[in-house]
Amino acid sequence: MTPFDLPTAYVIMGMLYLFMPMAIWYALRGAKARSVMEWCSGGLMFGAGLYLIGQRGHWPDWLTYEISVLLLNAAQLIRVAAISKEAQSPVKYRLLMGVLSVYALAYTAMRNASDAALQLHYPLSLLFMAFYFAWIALLALKIARQEGLVSGWWLTIAYAPLSIMLFLQIYRFFSVDGFLHPLLNDWASIALVLCGNLTAVVGNIAFMGVFVERTLRKEVESAAERARAAEGQRLERHIAQLDRVRSMGMMSASLAHELSQPLSSLQLVAGQAQMELSSGAYSPSKMSLHLSRILEYSAHTSDVVQRIRSFVRSESAVREPVDLIQVHETVRSLLSHGMRNQGVPLILLPHAPIPALTGDRVQLTQVLLNVYRNALEAIGQKQGGRVEVQFNRQHNHVEITIVDNGPGLPAQALAHISDGFFTTKSGGLGMGLLISRQIVAAHGGELRVDNRPQGGACVRIVLPCSSV
């Protein structure tokens, strides 16, 4: 009995190749990948082929030669197909079947050649097996490089040395006059069998490791994605909170800005009524007039509060026919006390008939109130100061032009004319023009501010005749 029995070694290696694929298939049963089934099926076929080689001399030659080598080659081609899918380079089965057919025909022809002593079918089998193992090693190397998987490197290490040893065995076959065969009990054959056993273990575990690493990576990426999503939701909630705070601040600033004029008018009318009562110089008609104005300003104040609340909350604005001339007169009435005290007239220039618009009357009143008041405040107590308003019909638009002969706007103010909370007035909030622009834009129009060449500021408000 020889110290190392190669037929027994082949039987053991065959059993190992039969056991390992079944273990891998069980471990990866949840992967549901076709390549896993192909890899494990190829391993079972390879193990059966090795087992048949170990039975040479005991079982029929057609079974231990033709069938065994056919199983060995088909098994590795199936494994090539499996690993090629994982490397994103799938191989067509027609190509693999063509390679297998060429090998089977060549093997049968060489084994049945007249010079039986040469046994060229043995180096042919070694050549094809070396080619398969090298192919698997290269595909595994591609996986390792593309995805950075450690298991891909181990799969390469498992199959590359076996391929090299098979090529060396081919060289030895021709260097010793063709007397080598698989069951020749020499050091090279023993080393080849031992390397094959090592590949059976390391190669299968490395193939399983590719799926395990990918699964772990997906879980890590999924956890990172969930963390980013949670962080995104937290930031969204934070931004929403900031937006609510901003809206509250904007509403507060709007209220303070828009209510200052009607409340000032209320205070002036109430003060005048009180003075007349205190001096005794009053009459029922004057008191009735004062009370009517107080009721008018109070109603306007209530409307302003409601409209600002709806505007900040992005609620649908009221749409109704609006007479711009009537809006102008309402604003003129609200500013009448200030104009008398200041001595600055608000002049409405002659104009052609202006069609009614569809829009929010109170919001458009706010716009004209802001612009008129800005013009009056810019003039101040200047002698000869005046504010002129003109309405023009421009095709399907109405253009409102408000000009004054004040000092005009400084360059810094023009640069920040659309910014909120920017103002050049002492005690101002910087919200008037911002709110006015937004209201005009919501009506489908445009508000432009510029300086006049002859001095003073010019505000143009363009509104469509049928605002949306």
Protein backbone atom coordinates (compact mmCIF):
# COMPACT_ATOMS: atom_id res chain seq x y z
CA MET A 1 0.00 0.00 0.00
CA THR A 2 1.45 3.35 -1.05
CA PRO A 3 1.73 6.09 1.58
CA PHE A 4 -0.72 8.29 -0.44
CA ASP A 5 -3.52 6.57 -2.35
CA LEU A 6 -4.61 8.87 -5.20
CA PRO A 7 -7.86 7.05 -6.07
CA THR A 8 -8.96 7.44 -2.46
CA ALA A 9 -7.88 11.10 -2.54
CA TYR A 10 -10.04 11.68 -5.61
CA VAL A 11 -13.00 10.01 -3.90
CA ILE A 12 -12.50 12.19 -0.82
CA MET A 13 -12.15 15.32 -2.95
CA GLY A 14 -15.30 14.34 -4.84
CA MET A 15 -17.22 13.93 -1.59
CA LEU A 16 -15.91 17.30 -0.44
CA TYR A 17 -17.12 18.95 -3.63
CA LEU A 18 -20.50 17.28 -3.14
CA PHE A 19 -20.81 18.43 0.47
CA MET A 20 -19.60 22.04 0.16
CA PRO A 21 -22.10 23.17 -2.54
CA MET A 22 -24.99 21.74 -0.51
CA ALA A 23 -23.79 23.67 2.54
CA ILE A 24 -23.40 26.86 0.47
CA TRP A 25 -26.86 26.43 -1.06
CA TYR A 26 -28.38 26.02 2.41
CA ALA A 27 -26.52 29.05 3.73
CA LEU A 28 -27.61 31.22 0.77
CA ARG A 29 -31.13 29.83 0.43
CA GLY A 30 -32.54 33.31 1.13
CA ALA A 31 -30.52 34.96 -1.66
CA LYS A 32 -32.92 33.73 -4.38
CA ALA A 33 -30.27 34.26 -7.04
CA ARG A 34 -29.98 32.02 -10.09
CA SER A 35 -26.21 32.20 -9.92
CA VAL A 36 -26.28 30.49 -6.49
CA MET A 37 -28.19 27.55 -7.93
CA GLU A 38 -25.81 27.37 -10.90
CA TRP A 39 -22.71 27.52 -8.71
CA CYS A 40 -23.97 24.81 -6.38
CA SER A 41 -25.18 22.62 -9.27
CA GLY A 42 -21.77 22.94 -10.90
CA GLY A 43 -20.11 21.94 -7.63
CA LEU A 44 -22.25 18.81 -7.35
CA MET A 45 -21.44 17.83 -10.93
CA PHE A 46 -17.73 18.44 -10.35
CA GLY A 47 -17.78 16.33 -7.21
CA ALA A 48 -19.51 13.49 -9.08
CA GLY A 49 -16.89 13.67 -11.83
CA LEU A 50 -14.01 13.49 -9.33
CA TYR A 51 -15.65 10.58 -7.56
CA LEU A 52 -15.86 8.69 -10.87
CA ILE A 53 -12.16 9.30 -11.55
CA GLY A 54 -11.39 7.70 -8.21
CA GLN A 55 -13.29 4.58 -9.34
CA ARG A 56 -11.19 3.99 -12.45
CA GLY A 57 -10.26 0.33 -12.71
CA HIS A 58 -13.31 -0.66 -10.69
CA TRP A 59 -16.12 0.75 -12.80
CA PRO A 60 -16.61 0.72 -16.62
CA ASP A 61 -14.23 2.95 -18.58
CA TRP A 62 -16.99 4.80 -20.41
CA LEU A 63 -18.32 5.88 -17.03
CA THR A 64 -15.00 6.78 -15.39
CA TYR A 65 -13.54 8.44 -18.48
CA GLU A 66 -16.06 9.98 -20.91
CA ILE A 67 -18.83 10.61 -18.39
CA SER A 68 -16.47 11.80 -15.64
CA VAL A 69 -14.61 14.31 -17.82
CA LEU A 70 -17.90 15.48 -19.34
CA LEU A 71 -19.21 16.17 -15.82
CA LEU A 72 -16.00 17.95 -14.83
CA ASN A 73 -16.06 20.28 -17.84
CA ALA A 74 -19.80 20.94 -17.75
CA ALA A 75 -19.54 21.68 -14.03
CA GLN A 76 -16.88 24.37 -14.45
CA LEU A 77 -18.66 25.92 -17.41
CA ILE A 78 -21.81 26.23 -15.28
CA ARG A 79 -19.74 27.83 -12.53
CA VAL A 80 -18.25 30.24 -15.07
CA ALA A 81 -21.79 31.20 -16.03
CA ALA A 82 -22.68 31.73 -12.36
CA ILE A 83 -19.68 33.89 -11.46
CA SER A 84 -19.96 35.86 -14.73
CA LYS A 85 -23.46 37.00 -13.68
CA GLU A 86 -22.11 38.22 -10.36
CA ALA A 87 -19.34 40.08 -12.19
CA GLN A 88 -21.95 41.81 -14.40
CA SER A 89 -20.42 40.09 -17.48
CA PRO A 90 -22.88 37.28 -18.25
CA VAL A 91 -21.67 34.62 -20.69
CA LYS A 92 -24.07 33.19 -23.25
CA TYR A 93 -24.91 29.54 -22.77
CA ARG A 94 -24.52 28.91 -26.49
CA LEU A 95 -20.83 29.79 -26.16
CA LEU A 96 -20.42 27.46 -23.19
CA MET A 97 -22.20 24.63 -24.96
CA GLY A 98 -19.98 25.15 -27.99
CA VAL A 99 -16.82 24.93 -25.83
CA LEU A 100 -18.13 21.77 -24.15
CA SER A 101 -18.97 20.14 -27.51
CA VAL A 102 -15.54 20.89 -28.94
CA TYR A 103 -13.89 19.42 -25.86
CA ALA A 104 -16.05 16.26 -25.86
CA LEU A 105 -15.32 15.52 -29.53
CA ALA A 106 -11.59 16.19 -29.16
CA TYR A 107 -11.34 14.08 -25.98
CA THR A 108 -13.10 11.09 -27.55
CA ALA A 109 -10.98 11.28 -30.70
CA MET A 110 -7.69 11.49 -28.78
CA ARG A 111 -8.59 8.70 -26.36
CA ASN A 112 -9.44 6.35 -29.23
CA ALA A 113 -6.33 7.23 -31.24
CA SER A 114 -4.15 4.36 -32.48
CA ASP A 115 -1.17 5.47 -30.37
CA ALA A 116 -2.74 4.64 -27.00
CA ALA A 117 0.56 5.02 -25.18
CA LEU A 118 0.70 8.76 -25.82
CA GLN A 119 -2.66 9.48 -24.07
CA LEU A 120 -3.11 13.04 -25.43
CA HIS A 121 -6.59 13.20 -23.92
CA TYR A 122 -4.97 13.78 -20.50
CA PRO A 123 -3.19 17.09 -21.36
CA LEU A 124 -6.33 18.14 -23.26
CA SER A 125 -8.38 17.73 -20.06
CA LEU A 126 -5.73 19.58 -18.08
CA LEU A 127 -5.71 22.43 -20.62
CA PHE A 128 -9.48 22.94 -20.53
CA MET A 129 -9.66 22.69 -16.74
CA ALA A 130 -6.81 25.19 -16.37
CA PHE A 131 -8.66 27.51 -18.74
CA TYR A 132 -11.90 27.26 -16.69
CA PHE A 133 -10.17 27.91 -13.37
CA ALA A 134 -8.29 30.89 -14.83
CA TRP A 135 -11.59 32.25 -16.19
CA ILE A 136 -13.23 31.97 -12.77
CA ALA A 137 -10.21 33.63 -11.13
CA LEU A 138 -10.33 36.57 -13.56
CA LEU A 139 -14.08 37.08 -13.04
CA ALA A 140 -13.57 36.96 -9.27
CA LEU A 141 -10.78 39.52 -9.63
CA LYS A 142 -13.19 41.79 -11.51
CA ILE A 143 -15.71 41.54 -8.65
CA ALA A 144 -13.00 42.32 -6.11
CA ARG A 145 -11.84 45.41 -8.01
CA GLN A 146 -15.25 46.77 -8.95
CA GLU A 147 -16.97 46.30 -5.60
CA GLY A 148 -14.03 46.14 -3.22
CA LEU A 149 -15.17 42.76 -1.83
CA VAL A 150 -12.59 40.83 0.18
CA SER A 151 -14.36 37.59 -0.76
CA GLY A 152 -13.64 38.34 -4.42
CA TRP A 153 -9.91 38.38 -3.67
CA TRP A 154 -10.16 35.09 -1.80
CA LEU A 155 -12.04 33.53 -4.72
CA THR A 156 -9.23 34.65 -7.01
CA ILE A 157 -6.60 33.23 -4.65
CA ALA A 158 -8.48 29.92 -4.50
CA TYR A 159 -8.64 29.32 -8.26
CA ALA A 160 -5.57 31.06 -9.70
CA PRO A 161 -2.97 28.69 -8.08
CA LEU A 162 -4.95 25.63 -9.20
CA SER A 163 -4.96 26.92 -12.76
CA ILE A 164 -1.19 27.51 -12.60
CA MET A 165 -0.56 24.00 -11.27
CA LEU A 166 -2.58 22.50 -14.12
CA PHE A 167 -0.50 24.38 -16.68
CA LEU A 168 2.68 23.08 -14.96
CA GLN A 169 1.29 19.56 -15.12
CA ILE A 170 0.80 19.96 -18.88
CA TYR A 171 4.43 21.00 -19.17
CA ARG A 172 5.51 17.96 -17.17
CA PHE A 173 3.42 15.69 -19.38
CA PHE A 174 5.41 16.58 -22.45
CA SER A 175 8.71 16.70 -20.58
CA VAL A 176 8.45 13.07 -19.37
CA ASP A 177 7.39 11.58 -22.71
CA GLY A 178 3.66 11.42 -21.96
CA PHE A 179 3.68 8.88 -19.18
CA LEU A 180 1.66 11.01 -16.76
CA HIS A 181 -1.96 10.35 -15.87
CA PRO A 182 -4.33 11.49 -13.06
CA LEU A 183 -3.72 8.49 -10.81
CA LEU A 184 0.09 8.46 -11.11
CA ASN A 185 1.31 8.55 -7.53
CA ASP A 186 4.02 11.25 -7.76
CA TRP A 187 4.59 14.51 -5.93
CA ALA A 188 3.01 16.69 -8.66
CA SER A 189 -0.23 14.68 -8.74
CA ILE A 190 -0.39 14.66 -4.94
CA ALA A 191 0.17 18.45 -4.82
CA LEU A 192 -2.54 18.91 -7.44
CA VAL A 193 -5.06 16.88 -5.42
CA LEU A 194 -4.22 18.73 -2.20
CA CYS A 195 -4.60 22.09 -3.95
CA GLY A 196 -7.94 20.90 -5.37
CA ASN A 197 -9.18 20.02 -1.87
CA LEU A 198 -8.14 23.44 -0.61
CA THR A 199 -9.95 25.11 -3.52
CA ALA A 200 -13.09 23.10 -2.74
CA VAL A 201 -13.23 24.65 0.72
CA VAL A 202 -11.85 28.16 0.17
CA GLY A 203 -13.50 28.69 -3.23
CA ASN A 204 -16.99 27.77 -2.06
CA ILE A 205 -16.71 29.79 1.14
CA ALA A 206 -15.39 32.77 -0.83
CA PHE A 207 -18.33 32.52 -3.26
CA MET A 208 -20.70 32.57 -0.29
CA GLY A 209 -18.75 35.49 1.15
CA VAL A 210 -19.51 37.58 -1.96
CA PHE A 211 -23.23 37.39 -1.17
CA VAL A 212 -22.69 37.88 2.56
CA GLU A 213 -20.57 40.99 2.01
CA ARG A 214 -23.09 42.40 -0.43
CA THR A 215 -25.93 41.77 2.01
CA LEU A 216 -24.03 43.43 4.84
CA ARG A 217 -23.15 46.37 2.61
CA LYS A 218 -26.80 46.78 1.58
CA GLU A 219 -27.85 46.67 5.22
CA VAL A 220 -25.27 49.32 6.10
CA GLU A 221 -26.37 51.48 3.15
CA SER A 222 -30.01 50.93 4.09
CA ALA A 223 -29.28 51.93 7.68
CA ALA A 224 -27.41 55.00 6.44
CA GLU A 225 -30.32 55.86 4.13
CA ARG A 226 -32.78 55.49 6.99
CA ALA A 227 -30.56 57.70 9.13
CA ARG A 228 -30.41 60.30 6.34
CA ALA A 229 -34.18 60.08 5.91
CA ALA A 230 -34.71 60.52 9.65
CA GLU A 231 -32.30 63.46 9.66
CA GLY A 232 -34.07 64.90 6.62
CA GLN A 233 -37.44 64.60 8.36
CA ARG A 234 -36.00 66.25 11.45
CA LEU A 235 -34.64 69.09 9.33
CA GLU A 236 -37.97 69.40 7.51
CA ARG A 237 -39.77 69.70 10.82
CA HIS A 238 -37.21 72.26 11.96
CA ILE A 239 -37.57 74.24 8.72
CA ALA A 240 -41.36 74.05 8.99
CA GLN A 241 -41.13 75.39 12.52
CA LEU A 242 -38.83 78.19 11.36
CA ASP A 243 -41.23 78.92 8.51
CA ARG A 244 -44.13 79.13 10.95
CA VAL A 245 -42.12 81.49 13.13
CA ARG A 246 -41.23 83.52 10.04
CA SER A 247 -44.88 83.62 9.01
CA MET A 248 -45.88 84.79 12.46
CA GLY A 249 -43.18 87.45 12.33
CA MET A 250 -44.27 88.53 8.87
CA MET A 251 -47.92 88.67 9.96
CA SER A 252 -46.98 90.70 13.03
CA ALA A 253 -44.89 93.10 10.96
CA SER A 254 -47.65 93.36 8.37
CA LEU A 255 -50.24 94.09 11.00
CA ALA A 256 -48.07 96.75 12.58
CA HIS A 257 -47.38 98.34 9.20
CA GLU A 258 -50.82 98.18 7.62
CA LEU A 259 -52.80 99.11 10.72
CA SER A 260 -50.74 102.15 11.58
CA GLN A 261 -52.56 104.42 9.09
CA PRO A 262 -56.20 103.50 9.85
CA LEU A 263 -55.48 103.51 13.58
CA SER A 264 -53.82 106.93 13.24
CA SER A 265 -56.89 108.17 11.36
CA LEU A 266 -59.12 106.75 14.08
CA GLN A 267 -57.06 108.50 16.71
CA LEU A 268 -57.20 111.80 14.85
CA VAL A 269 -60.96 111.67 14.32
CA ALA A 270 -61.58 110.62 17.91
CA GLY A 271 -59.23 113.35 19.15
CA GLN A 272 -60.96 115.98 17.05
CA ALA A 273 -64.37 114.87 18.33
CA GLN A 274 -63.09 115.01 21.90
CA MET A 275 -61.71 118.53 21.41
CA GLU A 276 -65.04 119.73 20.00
CA LEU A 277 -66.92 118.17 22.92
CA SER A 278 -64.53 119.75 25.47
CA SER A 279 -64.80 123.23 23.91
CA GLY A 280 -68.56 123.00 23.47
CA ALA A 281 -68.17 123.80 19.77
CA TYR A 282 -69.88 120.74 18.45
CA SER A 283 -73.04 119.94 16.59
CA PRO A 284 -75.00 116.76 15.97
CA SER A 285 -74.05 116.85 12.29
CA LYS A 286 -70.31 117.04 13.08
CA MET A 287 -70.58 114.24 15.66
CA SER A 288 -72.47 112.12 13.12
CA LEU A 289 -69.70 112.75 10.56
CA HIS A 290 -66.98 111.83 13.09
CA LEU A 291 -68.82 108.65 14.09
CA SER A 292 -69.31 107.67 10.46
CA ARG A 293 -65.59 108.06 9.82
CA ILE A 294 -64.76 106.09 12.96
CA LEU A 295 -67.05 103.27 11.79
CA GLU A 296 -65.53 103.43 8.30
CA TYR A 297 -61.95 103.27 9.60
CA SER A 298 -62.85 100.52 12.06
CA ALA A 299 -64.39 98.43 9.29
CA HIS A 300 -61.32 99.00 7.13
CA THR A 301 -59.06 98.01 10.03
CA SER A 302 -61.03 94.78 10.49
CA ASP A 303 -60.78 94.02 6.78
CA VAL A 304 -57.02 94.63 6.80
CA VAL A 305 -56.51 92.24 9.72
CA GLN A 306 -58.54 89.52 7.98
CA ARG A 307 -56.81 89.97 4.62
CA ILE A 308 -53.31 89.93 6.12
CA ARG A 309 -54.16 86.78 8.03
CA SER A 310 -55.41 85.09 4.84
CA PHE A 311 -52.43 86.35 2.84
CA VAL A 312 -49.81 85.03 5.27
CA ARG A 313 -51.61 81.67 5.51
CA SER A 314 -51.78 81.47 1.68
CA GLU A 315 -55.56 81.29 1.74
CA SER A 316 -57.51 82.08 -1.39
CA ALA A 317 -58.04 85.82 -1.74
CA VAL A 318 -61.48 87.31 -2.31
CA ARG A 319 -62.15 87.90 -6.01
CA GLU A 320 -64.69 90.55 -6.88
CA PRO A 321 -65.08 93.47 -9.28
CA VAL A 322 -62.91 96.34 -8.07
CA ASP A 323 -63.28 99.98 -9.09
CA LEU A 324 -59.75 101.42 -8.87
CA ILE A 325 -61.00 105.00 -8.74
CA GLN A 326 -63.12 104.09 -5.73
CA VAL A 327 -60.10 102.41 -4.14
CA HIS A 328 -58.14 105.60 -4.75
CA GLU A 329 -60.81 107.68 -3.02
CA THR A 330 -60.87 105.30 -0.03
CA VAL A 331 -57.12 105.64 0.38
CA ARG A 332 -57.35 109.43 -0.05
CA SER A 333 -59.93 109.52 2.76
CA LEU A 334 -57.66 107.46 5.04
CA LEU A 335 -54.78 109.86 4.38
CA SER A 336 -56.82 113.07 4.42
CA HIS A 337 -55.92 114.17 7.97
CA GLY A 338 -52.21 113.64 7.39
CA MET A 339 -52.28 115.50 4.08
CA ARG A 340 -54.04 118.49 5.62
CA ASN A 341 -51.54 118.67 8.46
CA GLN A 342 -48.62 118.20 6.09
CA GLY A 343 -49.92 120.53 3.42
CA VAL A 344 -49.10 118.13 0.57
CA PRO A 345 -51.85 117.60 -2.00
CA LEU A 346 -52.62 114.20 -3.55
CA ILE A 347 -53.64 115.05 -7.10
CA LEU A 348 -55.51 112.67 -9.39
CA LEU A 349 -54.67 113.60 -12.97
CA PRO A 350 -57.28 113.43 -15.73
CA HIS A 351 -57.75 109.98 -17.15
CA ALA A 352 -59.85 107.98 -19.57
CA PRO A 353 -62.50 105.59 -18.23
CA ILE A 354 -60.86 102.71 -16.37
CA PRO A 355 -62.47 99.25 -16.52
CA ALA A 356 -63.19 97.41 -13.30
CA LEU A 357 -60.72 94.68 -12.32
CA THR A 358 -61.35 91.32 -10.74
CA GLY A 359 -59.39 91.12 -7.51
CA ASP A 360 -59.29 91.72 -3.77
CA ARG A 361 -60.45 95.24 -2.97
CA VAL A 362 -58.88 95.40 0.50
CA GLN A 363 -55.51 94.09 -0.71
CA LEU A 364 -55.41 96.58 -3.58
CA THR A 365 -56.33 99.29 -1.08
CA GLN A 366 -53.32 98.22 0.99
CA VAL A 367 -51.07 98.57 -2.07
CA LEU A 368 -52.16 102.13 -2.90
CA LEU A 369 -52.12 103.08 0.80
CA ASN A 370 -48.50 101.91 1.12
CA VAL A 371 -47.35 103.68 -2.05
CA TYR A 372 -49.22 106.95 -1.37
CA ARG A 373 -48.01 107.07 2.23
CA ASN A 374 -44.39 106.41 1.18
CA ALA A 375 -44.60 109.30 -1.29
CA LEU A 376 -46.08 111.67 1.30
CA GLU A 377 -43.47 110.68 3.91
CA ALA A 378 -40.67 111.15 1.36
CA ILE A 379 -41.80 114.74 0.68
CA GLY A 380 -42.18 115.58 4.37
CA GLN A 381 -42.73 119.30 5.01
CA LYS A 382 -41.20 120.42 1.72
CA GLN A 383 -42.70 123.61 0.34
CA GLY A 384 -44.51 122.96 -2.93
CA GLY A 385 -44.47 119.23 -2.42
CA ARG A 386 -47.07 117.25 -4.32
CA VAL A 387 -48.00 113.68 -5.22
CA GLU A 388 -49.60 112.97 -8.58
CA VAL A 389 -51.57 109.85 -9.48
CA GLN A 390 -52.59 108.88 -12.98
CA PHE A 391 -54.58 105.88 -14.29
CA ASN A 392 -54.01 104.76 -17.89
CA ARG A 393 -55.49 101.98 -19.99
CA GLN A 394 -52.73 100.08 -21.84
CA HIS A 395 -54.37 97.50 -24.13
CA ASN A 396 -55.47 94.78 -21.69
CA HIS A 397 -53.70 96.31 -18.69
CA VAL A 398 -54.27 99.21 -16.33
CA GLU A 399 -51.20 101.20 -15.35
CA ILE A 400 -51.20 103.28 -12.16
CA THR A 401 -48.38 105.83 -12.00
CA ILE A 402 -47.58 107.59 -8.71
CA VAL A 403 -44.92 110.31 -8.81
CA ASP A 404 -43.69 112.77 -6.22
CA ASN A 405 -41.25 115.70 -6.22
CA GLY A 406 -39.38 114.56 -3.13
CA PRO A 407 -35.67 113.71 -2.88
CA GLY A 408 -36.05 110.32 -4.58
CA LEU A 409 -34.62 107.02 -3.37
CA PRO A 410 -30.92 106.54 -2.51
CA ALA A 411 -28.98 103.93 -4.46
CA GLN A 412 -28.87 101.58 -1.48
CA ALA A 413 -32.65 101.67 -1.13
CA LEU A 414 -33.12 100.89 -4.85
CA ALA A 415 -30.74 97.91 -4.54
CA HIS A 416 -32.74 96.47 -1.63
CA ILE A 417 -36.18 97.59 -2.77
CA SER A 418 -37.48 93.97 -2.80
CA ASP A 419 -35.97 92.94 0.53
CA GLY A 420 -38.11 92.53 3.60
CA PHE A 421 -37.28 94.43 6.79
CA PHE A 422 -35.06 96.91 4.93
CA THR A 423 -36.01 100.53 5.38
CA THR A 424 -34.43 103.98 5.31
CA LYS A 425 -37.15 105.51 7.50
CA SER A 426 -36.71 105.95 11.21
CA GLY A 427 -39.09 103.55 12.94
CA GLY A 428 -39.98 101.85 9.65
CA LEU A 429 -40.37 98.07 9.32
CA GLY A 430 -39.42 97.65 5.67
CA MET A 431 -42.53 95.58 4.92
CA GLY A 432 -44.67 97.98 2.89
CA LEU A 433 -43.23 97.51 -0.60
CA LEU A 434 -42.53 93.80 0.00
CA ILE A 435 -46.19 93.15 0.85
CA SER A 436 -47.34 95.40 -1.99
CA ARG A 437 -45.19 93.56 -4.55
CA GLN A 438 -46.53 90.20 -3.36
CA ILE A 439 -50.13 91.40 -3.55
CA VAL A 440 -49.66 92.82 -7.05
CA ALA A 441 -47.90 89.62 -8.18
CA ALA A 442 -50.79 87.55 -6.77
CA HIS A 443 -53.10 89.63 -8.98
CA GLY A 444 -50.97 88.85 -12.03
CA GLY A 445 -49.37 92.26 -12.16
CA GLU A 446 -46.06 94.01 -11.55
CA LEU A 447 -44.83 96.82 -9.30
CA ARG A 448 -41.75 98.82 -10.33
CA VAL A 449 -39.97 101.57 -8.40
CA ASP A 450 -37.46 104.02 -9.83
CA ASN A 451 -36.22 107.60 -9.58
CA ARG A 452 -37.36 110.32 -11.97
CA PRO A 453 -34.70 112.18 -14.01
CA GLN A 454 -36.14 115.53 -12.82
CA GLY A 455 -36.15 114.39 -9.21
CA GLY A 456 -38.47 112.44 -7.00
CA ALA A 457 -39.62 108.82 -7.12
CA CYS A 458 -41.90 107.07 -9.57
CA VAL A 459 -43.90 103.93 -8.81
CA ARG A 460 -45.67 102.07 -11.62
CA ILE A 461 -48.27 99.42 -10.86
CA VAL A 462 -49.41 97.36 -13.85
CA LEU A 463 -52.50 95.15 -13.39
CA PRO A 464 -54.29 93.02 -15.97
CA CYS A 465 -57.84 94.05 -16.74
CA SER A 466 -58.97 90.55 -15.78
CA SER A 467 -56.84 89.60 -12.77
CA VAL A 468 -56.84 85.99 -11.70
